[in-house]
PDB file of N, CA and C in Angstrom:
ATOM      1  N   MET A   1      97.609 137.793 107.396  1.00  0.00           N
ATOM      2  CA  MET A   1      97.049 137.471 106.102  1.00  0.00           C
ATOM      3  C   MET A   1      95.754 138.245 105.906  1.00  0.00           C
ATOM      4  N   ASN A   2      95.549 138.713 104.703  1.00  0.00           N
ATOM      5  CA  ASN A   2      94.298 139.417 104.431  1.00  0.00           C
ATOM      6  C   ASN A   2      93.261 138.468 103.843  1.00  0.00           C
ATOM      7  N   ASN A   3      92.056 138.971 103.638  1.00  0.00           N
ATOM      8  CA  ASN A   3      90.969 138.111 103.155  1.00  0.00           C
ATOM      9  C   ASN A   3      91.247 137.523 101.770  1.00  0.00           C
ATOM     10  N   THR A   4      91.951 138.232 100.932  1.00  0.00           N
ATOM     11  CA  THR A   4      92.280 137.713  99.605  1.00  0.00           C
ATOM     12  C   THR A   4      93.185 136.490  99.715  1.00  0.00           C
ATOM     13  N   ALA A   5      94.141 136.532 100.616  1.00  0.00           N
ATOM     14  CA  ALA A   5      95.040 135.394 100.808  1.00  0.00           C
ATOM     15  C   ALA A   5      94.264 134.169 101.295  1.00  0.00           C
ATOM     16  N   HIS A   6      93.299 134.361 102.181  1.00  0.00           N
ATOM     17  CA  HIS A   6      92.478 133.242 102.646  1.00  0.00           C
ATOM     18  C   HIS A   6      91.727 132.600 101.481  1.00  0.00           C
ATOM     19  N   LEU A   7      91.094 133.413 100.658  1.00  0.00           N
ATOM     20  CA  LEU A   7      90.327 132.875  99.533  1.00  0.00           C
ATOM     21  C   LEU A   7      91.228 132.181  98.523  1.00  0.00           C
ATOM     22  N   THR A   8      92.446 132.659  98.351  1.00  0.00           N
ATOM     23  CA  THR A   8      93.400 131.997  97.465  1.00  0.00           C
ATOM     24  C   THR A   8      93.730 130.598  97.985  1.00  0.00           C
ATOM     25  N   LEU A   9      93.941 130.472  99.295  1.00  0.00           N
ATOM     26  CA  LEU A   9      94.205 129.160  99.886  1.00  0.00           C
ATOM     27  C   LEU A   9      93.004 128.229  99.740  1.00  0.00           C
ATOM     28  N   PHE A  10      91.808 128.752  99.970  1.00  0.00           N
ATOM     29  CA  PHE A  10      90.602 127.934  99.836  1.00  0.00           C
ATOM     30  C   PHE A  10      90.418 127.458  98.396  1.00  0.00           C
ATOM     31  N   GLU A  11      90.690 128.334  97.438  1.00  0.00           N
ATOM     32  CA  GLU A  11      90.542 127.970  96.028  1.00  0.00           C
ATOM     33  C   GLU A  11      91.564 126.903  95.634  1.00  0.00           C
ATOM     34  N   LYS A  12      92.778 127.032  96.126  1.00  0.00           N
ATOM     35  CA  LYS A  12      93.807 126.022  95.846  1.00  0.00           C
ATOM     36  C   LYS A  12      93.388 124.681  96.441  1.00  0.00           C
ATOM     37  N   ALA A  13      92.882 124.679  97.654  1.00  0.00           N
ATOM     38  CA  ALA A  13      92.422 123.437  98.294  1.00  0.00           C
ATOM     39  C   ALA A  13      91.237 122.849  97.528  1.00  0.00           C
ATOM     40  N   ARG A  14      90.336 123.698  97.046  1.00  0.00           N
ATOM     41  CA  ARG A  14      89.175 123.227  96.286  1.00  0.00           C
ATOM     42  C   ARG A  14      89.625 122.510  95.013  1.00  0.00           C
ATOM     43  N   TRP A  15      90.590 123.097  94.301  1.00  0.00           N
ATOM     44  CA  TRP A  15      91.066 122.472  93.065  1.00  0.00           C
ATOM     45  C   TRP A  15      91.858 121.196  93.351  1.00  0.00           C
ATOM     46  N   ASN A  16      92.587 121.153  94.437  1.00  0.00           N
ATOM     47  CA  ASN A  16      93.276 119.912  94.825  1.00  0.00           C
ATOM     48  C   ASN A  16      92.252 118.810  95.070  1.00  0.00           C
ATOM     49  N   TRP A  17      91.152 119.149  95.726  1.00  0.00           N
ATOM     50  CA  TRP A  17      90.088 118.194  96.025  1.00  0.00           C
ATOM     51  C   TRP A  17      89.409 117.725  94.739  1.00  0.00           C
ATOM     52  N   ILE A  18      89.122 118.651  93.835  1.00  0.00           N
ATOM     53  CA  ILE A  18      88.484 118.309  92.553  1.00  0.00           C
ATOM     54  C   ILE A  18      89.387 117.396  91.743  1.00  0.00           C
ATOM     55  N   THR A  19      90.671 117.734  91.656  1.00  0.00           N
ATOM     56  CA  THR A  19      91.622 116.944  90.882  1.00  0.00           C
ATOM     57  C   THR A  19      91.805 115.558  91.488  1.00  0.00           C
ATOM     58  N   ALA A  20      91.893 115.484  92.813  1.00  0.00           N
ATOM     59  CA  ALA A  20      92.031 114.191  93.489  1.00  0.00           C
ATOM     60  C   ALA A  20      90.810 113.310  93.248  1.00  0.00           C
ATOM     61  N   GLY A  21      89.661 113.933  92.986  1.00  0.00           N
ATOM     62  CA  GLY A  21      88.442 113.190  92.713  1.00  0.00           C
ATOM     63  C   GLY A  21      88.334 112.713  91.273  1.00  0.00           C
ATOM     64  N   GLY A  22      89.368 112.973  90.471  1.00  0.00           N
ATOM     65  CA  GLY A  22      89.386 112.461  89.106  1.00  0.00           C
ATOM     66  C   GLY A  22      88.825 113.412  88.063  1.00  0.00           C
ATOM     67  N   TYR A  23      88.653 114.678  88.397  1.00  0.00           N
ATOM     68  CA  TYR A  23      88.116 115.633  87.436  1.00  0.00           C
ATOM     69  C   TYR A  23      89.092 116.810  87.328  1.00  0.00           C
ATOM     70  N   GLY A  24      90.197 116.580  86.661  1.00  0.00           N
ATOM     71  CA  GLY A  24      91.236 117.595  86.537  1.00  0.00           C
ATOM     72  C   GLY A  24      91.117 118.410  85.263  1.00  0.00           C
ATOM     73  N   VAL A  25      92.186 119.042  84.893  1.00  0.00           N
ATOM     74  CA  VAL A  25      92.219 119.930  83.735  1.00  0.00           C
ATOM     75  C   VAL A  25      91.880 119.180  82.445  1.00  0.00           C
ATOM     76  N   ALA A  26      92.367 117.956  82.297  1.00  0.00           N
ATOM     77  CA  ALA A  26      92.088 117.188  81.073  1.00  0.00           C
ATOM     78  C   ALA A  26      90.590 116.957  80.900  1.00  0.00           C
ATOM     79  N   GLU A  27      89.894 116.629  81.972  1.00  0.00           N
ATOM     80  CA  GLU A  27      88.451 116.400  81.906  1.00  0.00           C
ATOM     81  C   GLU A  27      87.691 117.693  81.629  1.00  0.00           C
ATOM     82  N   ILE A  28      88.138 118.773  82.215  1.00  0.00           N
ATOM     83  CA  ILE A  28      87.502 120.078  81.973  1.00  0.00           C
ATOM     84  C   ILE A  28      87.626 120.446  80.499  1.00  0.00           C
ATOM     85  N   GLN A  29      88.797 120.232  79.923  1.00  0.00           N
ATOM     86  CA  GLN A  29      88.992 120.528  78.506  1.00  0.00           C
ATOM     87  C   GLN A  29      88.187 119.582  77.617  1.00  0.00           C
ATOM     88  N   ALA A  30      88.117 118.313  77.979  1.00  0.00           N
ATOM     89  CA  ALA A  30      87.393 117.335  77.166  1.00  0.00           C
ATOM     90  C   ALA A  30      85.885 117.585  77.181  1.00  0.00           C
ATOM     91  N   PHE A  31      85.333 117.853  78.371  1.00  0.00           N
ATOM     92  CA  PHE A  31      83.886 118.030  78.505  1.00  0.00           C
ATOM     93  C   PHE A  31      83.435 119.485  78.353  1.00  0.00           C
ATOM     94  N   LYS A  32      84.424 120.416  78.370  1.00  0.00           N
ATOM     95  CA  LYS A  32      84.127 121.849  78.301  1.00  0.00           C
ATOM     96  C   LYS A  32      83.161 122.274  79.407  1.00  0.00           C
ATOM     97  N   GLN A  33      83.356 121.689  80.586  1.00  0.00           N
ATOM     98  CA  GLN A  33      82.561 122.007  81.764  1.00  0.00           C
ATOM     99  C   GLN A  33      83.484 122.087  82.970  1.00  0.00           C
ATOM    100  N   SER A  34      83.171 122.997  83.871  1.00  0.00           N
ATOM    101  CA  SER A  34      83.964 123.145  85.071  1.00  0.00           C
ATOM    102  C   SER A  34      83.064 123.528  86.241  1.00  0.00           C
ATOM    103  N   GLN A  35      83.540 123.267  87.420  1.00  0.00           N
ATOM    104  CA  GLN A  35      82.820 123.681  88.612  1.00  0.00           C
ATOM    105  C   GLN A  35      83.004 125.183  88.790  1.00  0.00           C
ATOM    106  N   ILE A  36      81.943 125.853  89.218  1.00  0.00           N
ATOM    107  CA  ILE A  36      82.029 127.293  89.457  1.00  0.00           C
ATOM    108  C   ILE A  36      81.577 127.578  90.877  1.00  0.00           C
ATOM    109  N   VAL A  37      82.064 128.681  91.399  1.00  0.00           N
ATOM    110  CA  VAL A  37      81.670 129.121  92.727  1.00  0.00           C
ATOM    111  C   VAL A  37      80.595 130.192  92.555  1.00  0.00           C
ATOM    112  N   LEU A  38      79.423 129.914  93.099  1.00  0.00           N
ATOM    113  CA  LEU A  38      78.316 130.873  92.997  1.00  0.00           C
ATOM    114  C   LEU A  38      78.284 131.839  94.166  1.00  0.00           C
ATOM    115  N   GLU A  39      78.760 131.382  95.312  1.00  0.00           N
ATOM    116  CA  GLU A  39      78.696 132.220  96.510  1.00  0.00           C
ATOM    117  C   GLU A  39      79.793 131.795  97.468  1.00  0.00           C
ATOM    118  N   VAL A  40      80.377 132.758  98.161  1.00  0.00           N
ATOM    119  CA  VAL A  40      81.394 132.480  99.172  1.00  0.00           C
ATOM    120  C   VAL A  40      81.040 133.258 100.429  1.00  0.00           C
ATOM    121  N   THR A  41      81.036 132.550 101.541  1.00  0.00           N
ATOM    122  CA  THR A  41      80.855 133.188 102.843  1.00  0.00           C
ATOM    123  C   THR A  41      82.038 132.793 103.705  1.00  0.00           C
ATOM    124  N   VAL A  42      82.718 133.772 104.259  1.00  0.00           N
ATOM    125  CA  VAL A  42      83.881 133.507 105.088  1.00  0.00           C
ATOM    126  C   VAL A  42      83.634 134.099 106.464  1.00  0.00           C
ATOM    127  N   LYS A  43      83.826 133.285 107.471  1.00  0.00           N
ATOM    128  CA  LYS A  43      83.708 133.747 108.852  1.00  0.00           C
ATOM    129  C   LYS A  43      85.081 133.598 109.492  1.00  0.00           C
ATOM    130  N   PHE A  44      85.684 134.694 109.858  1.00  0.00           N
ATOM    131  CA  PHE A  44      87.020 134.680 110.440  1.00  0.00           C
ATOM    132  C   PHE A  44      86.900 134.434 111.939  1.00  0.00           C
ATOM    133  N   MET A  45      87.452 133.317 112.381  1.00  0.00           N
ATOM    134  CA  MET A  45      87.361 132.924 113.790  1.00  0.00           C
ATOM    135  C   MET A  45      88.552 133.444 114.602  1.00  0.00           C
ATOM    136  N   ARG A  46      89.695 133.537 113.936  1.00  0.00           N
ATOM    137  CA  ARG A  46      90.890 134.070 114.592  1.00  0.00           C
ATOM    138  C   ARG A  46      91.901 134.447 113.519  1.00  0.00           C
ATOM    139  N   GLU A  47      92.917 135.156 113.910  1.00  0.00           N
ATOM    140  CA  GLU A  47      93.955 135.573 112.973  1.00  0.00           C
ATOM    141  C   GLU A  47      94.834 134.387 112.591  1.00  0.00           C
ATOM    142  N   VAL A  48      95.188 134.315 111.306  1.00  0.00           N
ATOM    143  CA  VAL A  48      96.178 133.354 110.828  1.00  0.00           C
ATOM    144  C   VAL A  48      97.427 134.157 110.504  1.00  0.00           C
ATOM    145  N   ARG A  49      98.498 133.805 111.145  1.00  0.00           N
ATOM    146  CA  ARG A  49      99.728 134.566 110.982  1.00  0.00           C
ATOM    147  C   ARG A  49     100.542 134.042 109.796  1.00  0.00           C
ATOM    148  N   LEU A  50     101.382 134.906 109.256  1.00  0.00           N
ATOM    149  CA  LEU A  50     102.258 134.557 108.151  1.00  0.00           C
ATOM    150  C   LEU A  50     103.100 133.337 108.511  1.00  0.00           C
ATOM    151  N   ARG A  51     103.192 132.398 107.607  1.00  0.00           N
ATOM    152  CA  ARG A  51     103.965 131.156 107.731  1.00  0.00           C
ATOM    153  C   ARG A  51     103.378 130.176 108.752  1.00  0.00           C
ATOM    154  N   GLU A  52     102.209 130.446 109.279  1.00  0.00           N
ATOM    155  CA  GLU A  52     101.556 129.498 110.177  1.00  0.00           C
ATOM    156  C   GLU A  52     100.982 128.344 109.348  1.00  0.00           C
ATOM    157  N   ASN A  53     101.184 127.131 109.790  1.00  0.00           N
ATOM    158  CA  ASN A  53     100.607 125.978 109.108  1.00  0.00           C
ATOM    159  C   ASN A  53      99.122 125.908 109.406  1.00  0.00           C
ATOM    160  N   VAL A  54      98.339 125.714 108.361  1.00  0.00           N
ATOM    161  CA  VAL A  54      96.896 125.574 108.525  1.00  0.00           C
ATOM    162  C   VAL A  54      96.447 124.324 107.783  1.00  0.00           C
ATOM    163  N   ARG A  55      95.358 123.775 108.214  1.00  0.00           N
ATOM    164  CA  ARG A  55      94.760 122.622 107.545  1.00  0.00           C
ATOM    165  C   ARG A  55      93.393 123.052 107.050  1.00  0.00           C
ATOM    166  N   ILE A  56      93.166 122.890 105.754  1.00  0.00           N
ATOM    167  CA  ILE A  56      91.888 123.263 105.154  1.00  0.00           C
ATOM    168  C   ILE A  56      91.136 121.975 104.862  1.00  0.00           C
ATOM    169  N   VAL A  57      89.943 121.855 105.420  1.00  0.00           N
ATOM    170  CA  VAL A  57      89.118 120.669 105.247  1.00  0.00           C
ATOM    171  C   VAL A  57      87.849 121.077 104.509  1.00  0.00           C
ATOM    172  N   SER A  58      87.541 120.355 103.438  1.00  0.00           N
ATOM    173  CA  SER A  58      86.333 120.618 102.661  1.00  0.00           C
ATOM    174  C   SER A  58      85.443 119.396 102.713  1.00  0.00           C
ATOM    175  N   GLU A  59      84.143 119.627 102.767  1.00  0.00           N
ATOM    176  CA  GLU A  59      83.203 118.529 102.735  1.00  0.00           C
ATOM    177  C   GLU A  59      81.913 118.990 102.076  1.00  0.00           C
ATOM    178  N   ILE A  60      81.231 118.055 101.445  1.00  0.00           N
ATOM    179  CA  ILE A  60      79.929 118.369 100.864  1.00  0.00           C
ATOM    180  C   ILE A  60      78.874 118.100 101.932  1.00  0.00           C
ATOM    181  N   LEU A  61      78.110 119.123 102.275  1.00  0.00           N
ATOM    182  CA  LEU A  61      77.061 118.981 103.273  1.00  0.00           C
ATOM    183  C   LEU A  61      75.779 118.460 102.653  1.00  0.00           C
ATOM    184  N   ASN A  62      75.466 118.941 101.452  1.00  0.00           N
ATOM    185  CA  ASN A  62      74.320 118.416 100.708  1.00  0.00           C
ATOM    186  C   ASN A  62      74.512 118.719  99.233  1.00  0.00           C
ATOM    187  N   TYR A  63      73.741 118.029  98.415  1.00  0.00           N
ATOM    188  CA  TYR A  63      73.836 118.182  96.961  1.00  0.00           C
ATOM    189  C   TYR A  63      72.426 118.125  96.400  1.00  0.00           C
ATOM    190  N   GLU A  64      71.959 119.262  95.901  1.00  0.00           N
ATOM    191  CA  GLU A  64      70.605 119.349  95.372  1.00  0.00           C
ATOM    192  C   GLU A  64      70.621 120.077  94.036  1.00  0.00           C
ATOM    193  N   ALA A  65      69.968 119.498  93.047  1.00  0.00           N
ATOM    194  CA  ALA A  65      69.779 120.137  91.740  1.00  0.00           C
ATOM    195  C   ALA A  65      71.077 120.718  91.174  1.00  0.00           C
ATOM    196  N   ARG A  66      72.116 119.886  91.094  1.00  0.00           N
ATOM    197  CA  ARG A  66      73.412 120.266  90.544  1.00  0.00           C
ATOM    198  C   ARG A  66      74.136 121.331  91.359  1.00  0.00           C
ATOM    199  N   SER A  67      73.749 121.515  92.588  1.00  0.00           N
ATOM    200  CA  SER A  67      74.388 122.504  93.449  1.00  0.00           C
ATOM    201  C   SER A  67      74.790 121.844  94.766  1.00  0.00           C
ATOM    202  N   ALA A  68      76.036 122.025  95.146  1.00  0.00           N
ATOM    203  CA  ALA A  68      76.531 121.435  96.389  1.00  0.00           C
ATOM    204  C   ALA A  68      76.769 122.525  97.419  1.00  0.00           C
ATOM    205  N   ARG A  69      76.605 122.159  98.653  1.00  0.00           N
ATOM    206  CA  ARG A  69      76.887 123.077  99.761  1.00  0.00           C
ATOM    207  C   ARG A  69      77.886 122.375 100.657  1.00  0.00           C
TER     208      ARG A  69
END
């Protein structure tokens, strides 16, 4: 897998997490607001092979001034 494929998986997981939290497409359209990614840092620890099952875990480490890490 290349770096683009990794970011695609992370983005899909991010939207699954946002939607599960009750802020899906309907809310984005109603409020005309959406979460945006300001910065992405990826550290590759090992190769992920094609068709390998992976688990993506997201967590908020801190939240300051409308910005989460």
